[in-house]
């Protein structure tokens, strides 16, 4: 298969918004046995609405290295704004992320731009992401891991429970020193 036709290697993560992390953690970790592998407490400007928000992004690992991820916002009103009961005001927190290498990420960005489609690149520190969305509202992310992803992953796995606990107790201090 030619370089420009290579498929993504695997799912990177699938993300959804939850009202409360603890019931989801209980289901994912205690009931289903999916390990909590990383918890990122973030504060960022949401360009969609021009507002700064704090949220917690928890990842539960799959065997192939992929993850299911869940956002909880400090502001409970954000849950309603991001849920899919009706089309959410802010849809980008519901997306599928596919793992690619950096060369493929650049190729995809160029292809999207050539087609006149949105293509936004963001370096999160723990991956570089290319985002696009369809007219139907499907948000796609293509994520390329940095060369030190194993070190980053080990660090976040070591403090995942502690960060989630402090987040749930009201301390929304960001821990993403790579990005912020």
Foldseek 3Di string as FASTA:
>chain_A
DDPQPDDFPFWAEFEDEDLAVPVVCCCQPVPVNFAFQFKWWDWDQDPLVRDIWIKIKIWTADPVNHTYIYIHTPPSVVNQQADPPPPHSDPQRGATETEDAPVNLVSVQVVCVVVVWDWDWDCLLQWIWIWTADPVGHIYIYTHGDPCNVVVRVVRRVCVVVVSVVVNVPPSDGPSPRRD
